[in-house]
N, C-alpha and C. Protein backbone atom coordinates (compact mmCIF):
# COMPACT_ATOMS: atom_id res chain seq x y z
N MET A 1 145.44 5.77 10.33
CA MET A 1 146.13 4.63 11.17
C MET A 1 146.64 5.05 12.22
N LYS A 2 148.11 5.98 12.10
CA LYS A 2 148.90 6.09 13.15
C LYS A 2 147.97 7.04 14.21
N GLU A 3 147.04 7.46 13.97
CA GLU A 3 146.35 8.28 15.51
C GLU A 3 145.47 6.82 16.20
N ILE A 4 145.38 6.10 15.30
CA ILE A 4 144.36 5.01 15.83
C ILE A 4 145.66 3.66 16.65
N GLN A 5 146.95 3.44 15.68
CA GLN A 5 147.82 3.17 16.68
C GLN A 5 148.11 3.69 17.77
N GLU A 6 148.39 4.88 18.14
CA GLU A 6 148.70 5.66 19.25
C GLU A 6 147.44 5.45 20.16
N ARG A 7 146.09 5.67 20.15
CA ARG A 7 145.14 5.75 20.80
C ARG A 7 144.75 4.15 21.49
N ASN A 8 144.83 3.09 20.55
CA ASN A 8 144.69 1.80 20.57
C ASN A 8 145.41 0.95 20.01
N VAL A 9 146.36 0.01 20.54
CA VAL A 9 147.60 -0.50 19.81
C VAL A 9 146.58 -1.93 19.59
N ASP A 10 145.60 -2.23 20.56
CA ASP A 10 145.08 -3.89 20.29
C ASP A 10 143.92 -3.58 19.06
N ALA A 11 143.70 -2.30 18.58
CA ALA A 11 142.48 -2.06 17.91
C ALA A 11 143.30 -1.94 16.49
N TYR A 12 144.13 -1.28 16.48
CA TYR A 12 145.10 -1.26 15.14
C TYR A 12 146.00 -2.64 14.74
N ILE A 13 146.10 -3.16 15.80
CA ILE A 13 146.67 -4.86 15.01
C ILE A 13 145.60 -5.36 14.73
N TYR A 14 143.89 -5.28 15.21
CA TYR A 14 142.84 -6.05 14.78
C TYR A 14 142.92 -5.49 13.83
N LEU A 15 142.74 -4.35 12.99
CA LEU A 15 142.58 -3.77 11.80
C LEU A 15 143.37 -4.21 11.05
N MET A 16 144.67 -3.88 10.80
CA MET A 16 145.42 -4.23 10.02
C MET A 16 145.72 -5.93 9.42
N LYS A 17 145.14 -6.95 10.18
CA LYS A 17 144.58 -8.19 10.02
C LYS A 17 143.69 -8.19 8.78
N LEU A 18 142.93 -7.21 8.63
CA LEU A 18 141.51 -7.02 7.80
C LEU A 18 142.09 -6.63 6.52
N ASP A 19 141.29 -7.29 5.44
CA ASP A 19 141.64 -6.45 3.92
C ASP A 19 141.42 -4.74 4.15
N THR A 20 142.33 -4.00 3.70
CA THR A 20 141.94 -2.69 4.09
C THR A 20 141.16 -1.88 2.85
N GLU A 21 140.90 -2.90 1.92
CA GLU A 21 139.88 -2.23 0.70
C GLU A 21 138.24 -2.43 1.76
N LYS A 22 138.59 -3.18 2.68
CA LYS A 22 136.81 -3.08 3.05
C LYS A 22 136.69 -2.02 4.29
N TRP A 23 137.69 -1.45 4.52
CA TRP A 23 136.91 -0.49 5.95
C TRP A 23 137.74 0.59 5.52
N THR A 24 138.60 0.94 5.07
CA THR A 24 139.40 2.47 4.46
C THR A 24 138.84 3.13 2.99
N LEU A 25 138.85 4.10 2.75
CA LEU A 25 138.78 4.53 1.54
C LEU A 25 139.95 5.03 0.91
N LEU A 26 141.09 5.14 1.91
CA LEU A 26 142.41 5.49 1.43
C LEU A 26 142.71 4.32 0.33
N TYR A 27 142.31 3.09 0.72
CA TYR A 27 143.00 1.69 -0.16
C TYR A 27 141.98 1.07 -0.54
N ASP A 28 140.95 1.74 -1.34
CA ASP A 28 139.37 1.12 -2.03
C ASP A 28 140.22 1.09 -3.60
N GLY A 29 140.87 1.32 -3.71
CA GLY A 29 141.13 1.74 -5.17
C GLY A 29 140.10 2.83 -6.12
N GLY A 30 139.55 3.64 -5.18
CA GLY A 30 138.72 4.36 -6.11
C GLY A 30 137.31 3.97 -6.59
N HIS A 31 136.83 2.93 -6.16
CA HIS A 31 135.60 2.25 -6.47
C HIS A 31 134.74 2.58 -5.59
N ARG A 32 134.49 3.17 -4.23
CA ARG A 32 133.69 2.92 -3.45
C ARG A 32 132.95 4.68 -3.54
N HIS A 33 133.58 5.47 -4.08
CA HIS A 33 132.83 6.82 -4.00
C HIS A 33 132.37 7.14 -2.69
N ASP A 34 132.91 7.16 -1.46
CA ASP A 34 132.57 7.62 0.08
C ASP A 34 131.47 6.70 0.38
N ILE A 35 131.35 5.43 -0.01
CA ILE A 35 130.49 4.34 0.59
C ILE A 35 131.55 3.54 0.84
N MET A 36 131.03 3.08 2.76
CA MET A 36 131.46 2.01 3.30
C MET A 36 130.97 1.07 3.46
N THR A 37 131.57 -0.37 3.95
CA THR A 37 130.96 -1.42 4.18
C THR A 37 129.76 -1.48 4.87
N THR A 38 129.90 -0.79 6.13
CA THR A 38 128.98 -1.00 7.02
C THR A 38 127.34 0.07 6.65
N ASN A 39 127.46 0.47 5.42
CA ASN A 39 126.27 1.78 5.24
C ASN A 39 125.11 1.03 4.53
N ILE A 40 125.12 -0.33 3.97
CA ILE A 40 123.99 -0.72 3.77
C ILE A 40 123.62 -1.39 4.92
N SER A 41 124.18 -1.85 6.19
CA SER A 41 123.78 -2.30 7.54
C SER A 41 123.05 -1.35 8.03
N GLU A 42 123.23 -0.50 8.08
CA GLU A 42 123.17 0.91 8.62
C GLU A 42 121.43 1.43 8.08
N ALA A 43 121.54 1.15 6.87
CA ALA A 43 120.38 1.55 6.08
C ALA A 43 119.60 0.65 6.16
N LEU A 44 119.78 -0.71 6.38
CA LEU A 44 118.56 -1.72 6.24
C LEU A 44 118.00 -1.61 8.12
N ASN A 45 119.32 -1.27 8.54
CA ASN A 45 118.50 -1.13 10.12
C ASN A 45 117.66 -0.07 10.24
N SER A 46 117.76 1.02 9.54
CA SER A 46 117.10 2.11 9.66
C SER A 46 115.56 2.04 9.16
N VAL A 47 115.57 1.35 7.93
CA VAL A 47 114.50 0.87 7.08
C VAL A 47 113.61 0.10 7.78
N LEU A 48 114.16 -1.03 8.61
CA LEU A 48 113.15 -1.93 9.10
C LEU A 48 113.00 -2.40 10.73
N LYS A 49 113.57 -1.14 11.30
CA LYS A 49 113.54 -0.45 12.58
C LYS A 49 112.41 -1.08 13.41
N LYS A 50 111.02 -0.51 12.57
CA LYS A 50 109.90 -0.78 13.32
C LYS A 50 109.13 -1.96 13.07
N ALA A 51 110.32 -2.94 11.88
CA ALA A 51 109.62 -4.11 11.62
C ALA A 51 109.98 -5.40 11.86
N ARG A 52 110.71 -5.34 12.83
CA ARG A 52 111.43 -6.48 13.33
C ARG A 52 110.71 -7.40 14.19
N VAL A 53 109.31 -6.96 14.70
CA VAL A 53 108.77 -7.66 15.43
C VAL A 53 107.66 -8.60 14.60
N ILE A 54 107.34 -7.76 13.31
CA ILE A 54 106.36 -8.57 12.15
C ILE A 54 106.66 -10.27 12.13
N PRO A 55 105.67 -10.76 11.76
CA PRO A 55 105.63 -12.17 11.26
C PRO A 55 106.82 -12.01 9.85
N LEU A 56 107.04 -13.10 9.30
CA LEU A 56 108.11 -13.34 8.18
C LEU A 56 107.53 -12.90 7.03
N LYS A 57 106.59 -13.30 6.69
CA LYS A 57 105.69 -12.80 5.41
C LYS A 57 105.68 -11.51 5.56
N ALA A 58 105.08 -10.91 6.57
CA ALA A 58 104.67 -9.84 6.53
C ALA A 58 106.01 -8.76 6.21
N LEU A 59 107.12 -9.16 6.82
CA LEU A 59 108.54 -8.68 6.91
C LEU A 59 108.45 -8.51 5.20
N VAL A 60 108.83 -9.55 4.53
CA VAL A 60 108.51 -9.77 3.06
C VAL A 60 107.95 -8.71 2.29
N GLU A 61 106.73 -8.46 2.79
CA GLU A 61 105.33 -7.86 1.88
C GLU A 61 106.01 -6.33 2.12
N LEU A 62 106.70 -6.09 3.69
CA LEU A 62 106.91 -4.67 3.45
C LEU A 62 108.46 -4.19 2.54
N ILE A 63 109.20 -5.79 2.57
CA ILE A 63 110.44 -5.06 2.43
C ILE A 63 110.18 -4.76 0.78
N PHE A 64 109.25 -5.65 -0.19
CA PHE A 64 108.76 -5.51 -1.54
C PHE A 64 108.09 -4.18 -1.77
N ASN A 65 107.24 -3.87 -1.06
CA ASN A 65 106.20 -2.30 -0.93
C ASN A 65 107.31 -1.34 -0.88
N LYS A 66 108.09 -1.51 0.20
CA LYS A 66 109.12 -0.08 0.15
C LYS A 66 110.21 0.13 -1.08
N LEU A 67 110.52 -0.91 -1.18
CA LEU A 67 111.23 -0.93 -2.93
C LEU A 67 110.68 -0.30 -4.20
N VAL A 68 109.30 -1.24 -4.18
CA VAL A 68 108.29 -0.33 -5.15
C VAL A 68 108.31 1.02 -5.37
N LYS A 69 108.17 1.49 -4.16
CA LYS A 69 107.91 2.97 -3.70
C LYS A 69 109.36 3.56 -4.17
N TYR A 70 110.10 3.21 -3.54
CA TYR A 70 111.65 3.96 -3.50
C TYR A 70 111.98 3.95 -4.84
N PHE A 71 111.89 2.62 -5.38
CA PHE A 71 112.24 3.01 -6.84
C PHE A 71 111.40 3.89 -7.87
N HIS A 72 110.23 4.10 -7.73
CA HIS A 72 109.08 4.55 -8.38
C HIS A 72 109.28 5.92 -8.16
N GLN A 73 109.91 6.49 -6.81
CA GLN A 73 109.83 7.89 -6.31
C GLN A 73 111.59 8.39 -7.07
N HIS A 74 112.39 7.60 -7.26
CA HIS A 74 113.61 7.95 -7.52
C HIS A 74 113.26 7.63 -9.37
N ARG A 75 112.76 6.96 -10.06
CA ARG A 75 112.85 6.92 -11.62
C ARG A 75 111.98 8.28 -11.89
N GLU A 76 110.72 8.69 -11.01
CA GLU A 76 110.21 9.85 -11.48
C GLU A 76 110.87 11.02 -11.14
N GLU A 77 111.98 11.04 -10.19
CA GLU A 77 113.01 12.30 -9.88
C GLU A 77 113.96 12.33 -10.97
N ALA A 78 114.51 11.02 -11.63
CA ALA A 78 115.30 10.74 -12.69
C ALA A 78 114.53 11.58 -13.88
N GLU A 79 113.38 10.92 -14.15
CA GLU A 79 112.91 11.18 -15.56
C GLU A 79 112.81 12.96 -15.46
N ASN A 80 112.40 13.66 -14.40
CA ASN A 80 112.01 14.97 -14.17
C ASN A 80 113.12 16.12 -13.89
N CYS A 81 114.12 15.32 -13.84
CA CYS A 81 115.49 15.96 -13.74
C CYS A 81 115.94 16.74 -15.02
N VAL A 82 115.92 18.17 -14.82
CA VAL A 82 116.39 19.17 -16.01
C VAL A 82 117.55 19.23 -15.96
N HIS A 83 118.58 18.77 -15.03
CA HIS A 83 120.26 19.07 -15.03
C HIS A 83 120.83 18.07 -15.22
N THR A 84 121.87 18.73 -15.89
CA THR A 84 122.91 17.39 -16.51
C THR A 84 123.08 16.14 -15.39
N PHE A 85 123.39 16.46 -14.11
CA PHE A 85 123.09 15.65 -12.99
C PHE A 85 122.18 15.91 -12.08
N PRO A 86 121.81 14.57 -11.46
CA PRO A 86 120.66 14.41 -10.26
C PRO A 86 120.45 15.92 -9.30
N THR A 87 119.37 16.06 -9.19
CA THR A 87 119.55 17.15 -7.90
C THR A 87 120.31 17.10 -6.92
N ARG A 88 120.53 15.62 -6.16
CA ARG A 88 121.96 15.90 -4.89
C ARG A 88 123.38 16.13 -5.59
N ILE A 89 123.45 15.20 -6.57
CA ILE A 89 124.96 16.29 -7.01
C ILE A 89 124.90 17.37 -7.70
N PHE A 90 123.79 17.98 -8.31
CA PHE A 90 123.96 18.99 -8.80
C PHE A 90 123.79 20.23 -7.70
N ASP A 91 123.12 19.76 -6.81
CA ASP A 91 123.20 20.91 -5.76
C ASP A 91 124.77 20.96 -4.79
N LYS A 92 125.16 19.79 -5.04
CA LYS A 92 126.55 19.56 -4.05
C LYS A 92 127.75 20.23 -4.71
N PHE A 93 127.11 20.29 -6.17
CA PHE A 93 128.10 20.65 -7.32
C PHE A 93 128.67 22.42 -7.09
N LEU A 94 126.80 22.37 -7.21
CA LEU A 94 127.06 24.68 -7.04
C LEU A 94 127.59 24.95 -5.40
N ARG A 95 128.01 23.79 -4.31
CA ARG A 95 128.21 24.31 -3.06
C ARG A 95 129.97 24.36 -3.43
N ILE A 96 130.26 23.39 -4.07
CA ILE A 96 131.73 23.31 -4.24
C ILE A 96 132.14 24.37 -5.36
N GLU A 97 131.57 25.04 -6.60
CA GLU A 97 131.89 25.89 -7.17
C GLU A 97 131.83 27.04 -6.84
N LEU A 98 131.13 27.35 -5.69
CA LEU A 98 130.54 28.65 -5.21
C LEU A 98 132.27 28.53 -3.99
N LYS A 99 132.80 27.53 -3.70
CA LYS A 99 133.53 27.77 -2.68
C LYS A 99 134.76 27.62 -3.67
N SER A 100 134.91 27.51 -4.67
CA SER A 100 136.28 27.25 -5.54
C SER A 100 136.55 28.59 -5.98
N ARG A 101 135.33 29.63 -6.16
CA ARG A 101 135.85 30.92 -6.60
C ARG A 101 136.65 32.16 -5.48
N GLU A 102 136.40 31.30 -4.21
CA GLU A 102 137.62 31.83 -3.12
C GLU A 102 139.30 31.83 -3.23
N HIS A 103 139.43 30.60 -3.84
CA HIS A 103 140.76 30.22 -3.79
C HIS A 103 141.38 30.95 -4.82
N LYS A 104 142.65 30.82 -5.35
CA LYS A 104 143.78 31.19 -5.85
C LYS A 104 144.50 30.48 -6.41
N VAL A 105 144.64 30.86 -7.87
CA VAL A 105 145.65 29.37 -8.32
C VAL A 105 146.85 30.29 -9.01
N THR A 106 148.35 29.38 -8.69
CA THR A 106 149.67 29.47 -9.27
C THR A 106 149.77 28.48 -10.33
N THR A 107 149.78 28.74 -11.76
CA THR A 107 149.98 27.63 -12.40
C THR A 107 151.71 27.55 -12.64
N TYR A 108 152.07 26.24 -12.96
CA TYR A 108 153.69 25.32 -12.33
C TYR A 108 153.84 24.97 -14.07
N ASN A 109 152.71 24.15 -14.47
CA ASN A 109 152.98 23.48 -15.63
C ASN A 109 151.90 23.04 -16.48
N PRO A 110 151.19 23.85 -17.15
CA PRO A 110 150.12 23.53 -17.38
C PRO A 110 150.25 22.42 -18.33
N ARG A 111 151.06 22.36 -19.52
CA ARG A 111 151.33 21.02 -20.56
C ARG A 111 151.16 19.75 -19.69
N GLU A 112 151.54 19.56 -18.11
CA GLU A 112 151.36 18.56 -17.79
C GLU A 112 150.73 18.39 -16.38
N GLY A 113 149.90 19.56 -16.51
CA GLY A 113 148.45 19.72 -15.46
C GLY A 113 149.06 19.62 -14.49
N ILE A 114 150.03 20.65 -13.80
CA ILE A 114 150.72 20.83 -12.22
C ILE A 114 150.05 22.17 -11.81
N TYR A 115 149.53 22.46 -10.87
CA TYR A 115 149.17 23.57 -10.21
C TYR A 115 148.93 23.71 -9.08
N MET A 116 149.71 25.11 -8.37
CA MET A 116 149.26 25.29 -6.77
C MET A 116 147.70 26.05 -6.22
N VAL A 117 147.47 25.61 -5.82
CA VAL A 117 146.22 26.22 -5.73
C VAL A 117 146.28 26.64 -3.82
N LYS A 118 145.64 27.67 -3.03
CA LYS A 118 145.33 28.52 -2.24
C LYS A 118 144.54 28.57 -1.45
N SER A 119 144.02 28.16 -0.36
CA SER A 119 142.43 28.59 -0.21
C SER A 119 142.90 29.82 0.96
N PRO A 120 141.84 30.74 0.73
CA PRO A 120 141.50 31.84 1.61
C PRO A 120 141.68 32.25 3.34
N ILE A 121 142.25 33.14 3.80
CA ILE A 121 142.07 32.69 5.38
C ILE A 121 140.73 33.10 5.85
N ARG A 122 140.60 32.15 6.98
CA ARG A 122 139.10 32.40 7.37
C ARG A 122 139.19 33.38 8.54
N VAL A 123 137.98 33.93 9.16
CA VAL A 123 138.10 34.53 10.22
C VAL A 123 138.35 33.87 11.45
N SER A 124 137.90 32.61 11.53
CA SER A 124 138.21 31.76 12.34
C SER A 124 139.73 31.32 12.89
N GLY A 125 140.25 31.68 12.06
CA GLY A 125 141.90 31.64 11.85
C GLY A 125 142.48 30.29 11.00
N THR A 126 141.40 29.41 10.22
CA THR A 126 141.54 28.55 9.88
C THR A 126 141.67 28.85 7.84
N GLY A 127 141.90 28.07 7.60
CA GLY A 127 142.75 28.49 6.12
C GLY A 127 143.74 28.38 5.49
N ASP A 128 144.33 29.04 4.43
CA ASP A 128 145.69 29.77 4.20
C ASP A 128 146.35 28.66 3.86
N ASN A 129 145.39 27.74 3.11
CA ASN A 129 146.20 25.79 2.90
C ASN A 129 146.70 26.07 1.74
N VAL A 130 147.75 25.31 1.34
CA VAL A 130 148.20 25.15 -0.25
C VAL A 130 147.94 24.16 -0.35
N TYR A 131 147.47 23.50 -1.73
CA TYR A 131 147.33 22.54 -2.24
C TYR A 131 147.99 22.36 -3.82
N THR A 132 148.50 20.95 -3.73
CA THR A 132 149.16 20.36 -5.36
C THR A 132 148.17 20.34 -6.31
N LEU A 133 147.94 20.60 -7.23
CA LEU A 133 147.01 19.57 -8.36
C LEU A 133 147.59 19.04 -9.29
N ARG A 134 147.46 18.03 -9.68
CA ARG A 134 147.91 17.21 -10.73
C ARG A 134 146.67 16.80 -11.87
N LEU A 135 146.55 17.89 -12.82
CA LEU A 135 144.81 17.66 -13.41
C LEU A 135 145.21 16.46 -14.17
N ASN A 136 146.36 16.22 -14.92
CA ASN A 136 146.20 15.19 -15.69
C ASN A 136 146.15 13.69 -15.63
N ASN A 137 146.30 13.64 -14.25
CA ASN A 137 146.18 12.59 -13.21
C ASN A 137 145.36 12.31 -11.94
N LYS A 138 144.67 13.69 -12.30
CA LYS A 138 143.05 13.42 -11.22
C LYS A 138 143.54 13.36 -10.34
N PHE A 139 144.61 14.04 -9.49
CA PHE A 139 145.27 14.23 -7.84
C PHE A 139 145.36 15.57 -7.60
N CYS A 140 144.70 15.59 -6.22
CA CYS A 140 144.54 16.76 -5.54
C CYS A 140 145.23 16.51 -4.06
N SER A 141 145.82 17.32 -3.44
CA SER A 141 146.40 16.77 -2.08
C SER A 141 145.45 16.79 -0.93
N CYS A 142 144.33 17.44 -1.28
CA CYS A 142 143.54 17.49 -0.23
C CYS A 142 142.57 16.34 0.16
N GLU A 143 142.79 15.15 -1.02
CA GLU A 143 142.45 13.57 -1.33
C GLU A 143 140.92 13.66 -1.21
N LYS A 144 140.05 14.72 -1.49
CA LYS A 144 138.98 14.19 -2.08
C LYS A 144 138.46 14.09 -3.31
N TRP A 145 139.29 14.74 -4.17
CA TRP A 145 139.03 14.14 -5.33
C TRP A 145 139.28 12.78 -5.45
N GLN A 146 140.11 11.96 -4.80
CA GLN A 146 140.38 10.38 -5.30
C GLN A 146 139.40 10.05 -4.66
N THR A 147 138.91 10.51 -3.01
CA THR A 147 138.16 9.67 -2.15
C THR A 147 136.45 9.47 -3.03
N TYR A 148 136.13 11.14 -3.65
CA TYR A 148 134.83 10.86 -3.67
C TYR A 148 134.60 11.05 -5.21
N ILE A 149 135.55 10.59 -5.98
CA ILE A 149 135.73 10.78 -7.38
C ILE A 149 134.94 12.28 -8.26
N LEU A 150 134.24 12.88 -6.89
CA LEU A 150 133.75 14.02 -7.60
C LEU A 150 134.72 15.00 -7.13
N PRO A 151 134.88 16.12 -8.37
CA PRO A 151 135.92 17.18 -8.26
C PRO A 151 135.91 17.89 -6.74
N CYS A 152 136.65 18.02 -6.38
CA CYS A 152 136.81 19.48 -4.93
C CYS A 152 136.86 20.41 -5.48
N SER A 153 136.95 21.70 -4.73
CA SER A 153 137.01 23.01 -5.00
C SER A 153 138.29 23.62 -5.54
N HIS A 154 139.23 22.84 -5.62
CA HIS A 154 140.39 23.06 -5.98
C HIS A 154 140.70 22.79 -7.90
N VAL A 155 139.93 21.63 -7.70
CA VAL A 155 140.08 21.76 -9.32
C VAL A 155 138.99 22.20 -9.90
N LEU A 156 138.01 22.71 -9.80
CA LEU A 156 137.01 23.47 -10.30
C LEU A 156 137.48 25.02 -10.37
N THR A 157 138.46 25.39 -9.31
CA THR A 157 139.12 26.33 -9.42
C THR A 157 140.25 26.62 -10.65
N VAL A 158 141.09 25.53 -11.04
CA VAL A 158 141.91 25.22 -11.65
C VAL A 158 141.20 25.32 -12.96
N CYS A 159 140.29 24.60 -13.13
CA CYS A 159 139.42 24.42 -14.74
C CYS A 159 139.02 25.68 -14.89
N ARG A 160 138.73 26.76 -13.93
CA ARG A 160 137.98 28.11 -14.39
C ARG A 160 139.04 29.18 -14.78
N GLU A 161 140.35 28.34 -14.28
CA GLU A 161 141.74 29.64 -14.55
C GLU A 161 141.95 29.36 -15.80
N ASN A 162 141.74 27.80 -16.51
CA ASN A 162 142.66 27.42 -17.51
C ASN A 162 141.24 27.96 -18.82
N GLY A 163 140.25 28.16 -18.60
CA GLY A 163 139.00 28.24 -19.70
C GLY A 163 138.13 26.87 -19.48
N SER A 164 138.36 25.59 -18.91
CA SER A 164 137.95 24.51 -19.27
C SER A 164 136.56 24.45 -18.35
N ARG A 165 135.66 23.69 -18.97
CA ARG A 165 134.34 23.46 -18.25
C ARG A 165 134.41 22.96 -17.33
N THR A 166 133.39 23.60 -16.08
CA THR A 166 133.71 22.53 -14.73
C THR A 166 132.89 21.37 -14.48
N ASP A 167 131.97 21.16 -15.04
CA ASP A 167 131.29 20.22 -15.30
C ASP A 167 131.86 19.16 -16.01
N ALA A 168 132.75 19.21 -17.25
CA ALA A 168 133.44 17.94 -17.13
C ALA A 168 134.21 17.18 -16.98
N CYS A 169 134.80 18.06 -15.06
CA CYS A 169 135.33 16.76 -14.61
C CYS A 169 134.25 15.95 -13.99
N ILE A 170 133.43 16.21 -13.95
CA ILE A 170 132.32 15.02 -13.25
C ILE A 170 132.44 13.71 -13.93
N PRO A 171 132.58 12.38 -13.17
CA PRO A 171 132.51 11.43 -14.05
C PRO A 171 131.09 10.94 -14.34
N GLU A 172 130.87 9.81 -15.19
CA GLU A 172 129.94 9.56 -16.00
C GLU A 172 128.77 8.86 -14.83
N ILE A 173 129.69 8.17 -13.81
CA ILE A 173 128.69 7.66 -12.50
C ILE A 173 127.74 8.50 -12.22
N TYR A 174 128.25 9.83 -11.92
CA TYR A 174 127.25 10.88 -11.23
C TYR A 174 126.68 11.51 -12.43
N SER A 175 125.87 10.88 -13.52
CA SER A 175 125.11 11.60 -14.50
C SER A 175 123.93 11.57 -14.59
N ARG A 176 122.86 12.03 -15.32
CA ARG A 176 121.39 12.20 -14.88
C ARG A 176 121.66 10.65 -15.67
N GLN A 177 122.11 10.12 -16.87
CA GLN A 177 121.43 8.87 -17.67
C GLN A 177 122.17 7.36 -16.71
N THR A 178 123.07 7.55 -15.67
CA THR A 178 123.21 6.48 -15.19
C THR A 178 122.27 6.90 -14.10
N TYR A 179 121.98 7.61 -13.45
CA TYR A 179 120.85 7.74 -12.51
C TYR A 179 119.47 7.10 -13.20
N ARG A 180 119.43 7.66 -14.27
CA ARG A 180 118.29 6.73 -14.78
C ARG A 180 118.07 5.05 -15.10
N LYS A 181 119.36 4.98 -15.55
CA LYS A 181 119.69 3.16 -15.59
C LYS A 181 119.54 2.67 -14.15
N THR A 182 119.91 3.51 -12.82
CA THR A 182 119.69 2.80 -12.20
C THR A 182 118.68 1.97 -11.58
N TYR A 183 117.44 3.28 -11.97
CA TYR A 183 115.89 3.00 -11.81
C TYR A 183 115.24 2.42 -12.54
N GLN A 184 115.66 1.82 -13.62
CA GLN A 184 114.84 1.70 -14.50
C GLN A 184 114.39 0.02 -14.86
N ALA A 185 114.84 -0.75 -13.43
CA ALA A 185 113.96 -2.09 -13.28
C ALA A 185 112.97 -1.85 -12.70
N ASN A 186 111.85 -2.90 -13.43
CA ASN A 186 110.34 -2.51 -13.18
C ASN A 186 109.93 -4.18 -11.88
N PHE A 187 109.31 -3.65 -11.18
CA PHE A 187 108.34 -4.19 -10.33
C PHE A 187 106.83 -5.06 -10.82
N HIS A 188 106.43 -6.31 -10.36
CA HIS A 188 104.91 -6.43 -10.70
C HIS A 188 104.23 -6.48 -9.78
N PRO A 189 103.37 -6.64 -9.81
CA PRO A 189 102.33 -7.71 -8.58
C PRO A 189 102.57 -8.58 -8.51
N VAL A 190 102.59 -9.13 -6.57
CA VAL A 190 102.35 -10.61 -6.76
C VAL A 190 100.99 -10.95 -6.65
N LEU A 191 100.73 -12.09 -7.24
CA LEU A 191 99.54 -12.79 -7.18
C LEU A 191 99.44 -12.68 -5.64
N SER A 192 97.98 -12.75 -5.50
CA SER A 192 97.47 -13.63 -4.14
C SER A 192 97.89 -15.13 -3.66
N GLU A 193 97.53 -15.18 -2.34
CA GLU A 193 98.20 -16.54 -2.35
C GLU A 193 97.65 -17.80 -2.95
N ASN A 194 96.58 -17.57 -3.42
CA ASN A 194 95.90 -18.87 -3.88
C ASN A 194 96.21 -19.22 -5.19
N PHE A 195 96.91 -18.38 -5.80
CA PHE A 195 97.81 -18.67 -7.23
C PHE A 195 99.15 -18.78 -7.08
N TRP A 196 99.67 -19.32 -5.65
CA TRP A 196 100.93 -19.50 -5.40
C TRP A 196 100.93 -20.95 -5.92
N ARG A 197 102.55 -21.39 -6.52
CA ARG A 197 102.81 -22.92 -6.57
C ARG A 197 103.52 -23.14 -5.26
N ASP A 198 103.11 -24.72 -5.34
CA ASP A 198 103.43 -25.28 -3.99
C ASP A 198 105.06 -25.45 -3.75
N ALA A 199 105.85 -25.16 -3.00
CA ALA A 199 107.43 -25.36 -2.49
C ALA A 199 107.57 -26.42 -3.00
N PRO A 200 108.33 -26.74 -3.51
CA PRO A 200 109.14 -28.78 -3.43
C PRO A 200 110.09 -28.44 -2.23
N PHE A 201 109.61 -28.19 -1.13
CA PHE A 201 110.52 -28.06 0.14
C PHE A 201 109.71 -27.72 1.29
N ASN A 202 110.01 -28.78 2.32
CA ASN A 202 109.46 -28.35 3.32
C ASN A 202 109.99 -27.14 4.67
N LEU A 203 109.86 -25.81 4.99
CA LEU A 203 110.47 -25.05 5.97
C LEU A 203 110.03 -25.56 7.54
N THR A 204 111.19 -25.80 8.60
CA THR A 204 110.95 -26.47 9.75
C THR A 204 111.81 -24.98 10.72
N PHE A 205 111.02 -24.76 11.63
CA PHE A 205 111.42 -23.75 12.20
C PHE A 205 111.35 -24.28 14.22
N TYR A 206 112.58 -24.00 14.39
CA TYR A 206 112.40 -24.19 15.85
C TYR A 206 112.98 -23.06 16.44
N PRO A 207 111.95 -22.78 17.48
CA PRO A 207 112.88 -21.58 18.88
C PRO A 207 113.82 -21.72 18.93
N PRO A 208 114.46 -20.44 19.54
CA PRO A 208 116.43 -20.70 19.77
C PRO A 208 116.22 -20.68 20.66
N ASN A 209 117.23 -21.49 21.39
CA ASN A 209 117.48 -22.25 22.69
C ASN A 209 118.10 -21.19 23.50
N MET A 210 117.46 -20.31 23.96
CA MET A 210 118.18 -19.01 24.74
C MET A 210 117.47 -18.82 26.47
N LYS A 211 118.43 -18.73 27.40
CA LYS A 211 118.11 -18.72 28.63
C LYS A 211 117.34 -17.54 29.20
N LYS A 212 116.54 -17.31 29.85
CA LYS A 212 115.29 -16.46 30.47
C LYS A 212 116.37 -15.28 31.04
N GLU A 213 116.44 -14.18 30.70
CA GLU A 213 117.24 -12.74 31.37
C GLU A 213 116.49 -12.36 32.48
N ARG A 214 117.12 -11.76 33.52
CA ARG A 214 116.03 -11.16 34.71
C ARG A 214 115.85 -9.72 34.07
N SER A 215 116.77 -9.49 33.30
CA SER A 215 116.32 -7.82 32.77
C SER A 215 115.09 -7.65 31.96
N ARG A 216 114.51 -6.79 31.64
CA ARG A 216 113.32 -6.64 30.46
C ARG A 216 113.42 -7.93 29.59
N LYS A 217 112.08 -8.23 29.10
CA LYS A 217 112.36 -8.87 27.90
C LYS A 217 112.43 -8.04 26.43
């Protein structure tokens, strides 16, 4: 926020008037798991990018068919998953665990779960950073653990140091069982229009009142 204020005061004032839970990960209360408010809008724009000019009925059919296909693909992936976590989470976990093997741990108070983790020096000159970890409070000064809910490399380093299972730090929301429950809903084929019931209302559409622009339509 300080950087925003330094770059543009008006933008800072505008954003501070909004609910910070809606546009920041820092104040989301740990509920968003790195998902921002605009993500769903961007996803819809990407899926329907080439379908905006088709008639309404065709657009609804397109969305329905895409959902059926999407759920089927993820349902099959969830059922065939052999790991404790879905493939994408498992691959990310392996990358984090590989990175954690480079860190050094200093134990301050194991009963309170207080540790210091130091990252190695990189060839580029980066690294050599010190992080405070409070394992009992699920806190790391890098803030990745709090933001993504998925444990960072510093957490896995400490777990390996004290003999704990590294995968035990991953919450239930990232489990294979939760993934299966997410896509267990069923869709049913839509009958042809001849079998539809008459709607108890009428829809009237009027063209928008727009001025003709000089630029390309």
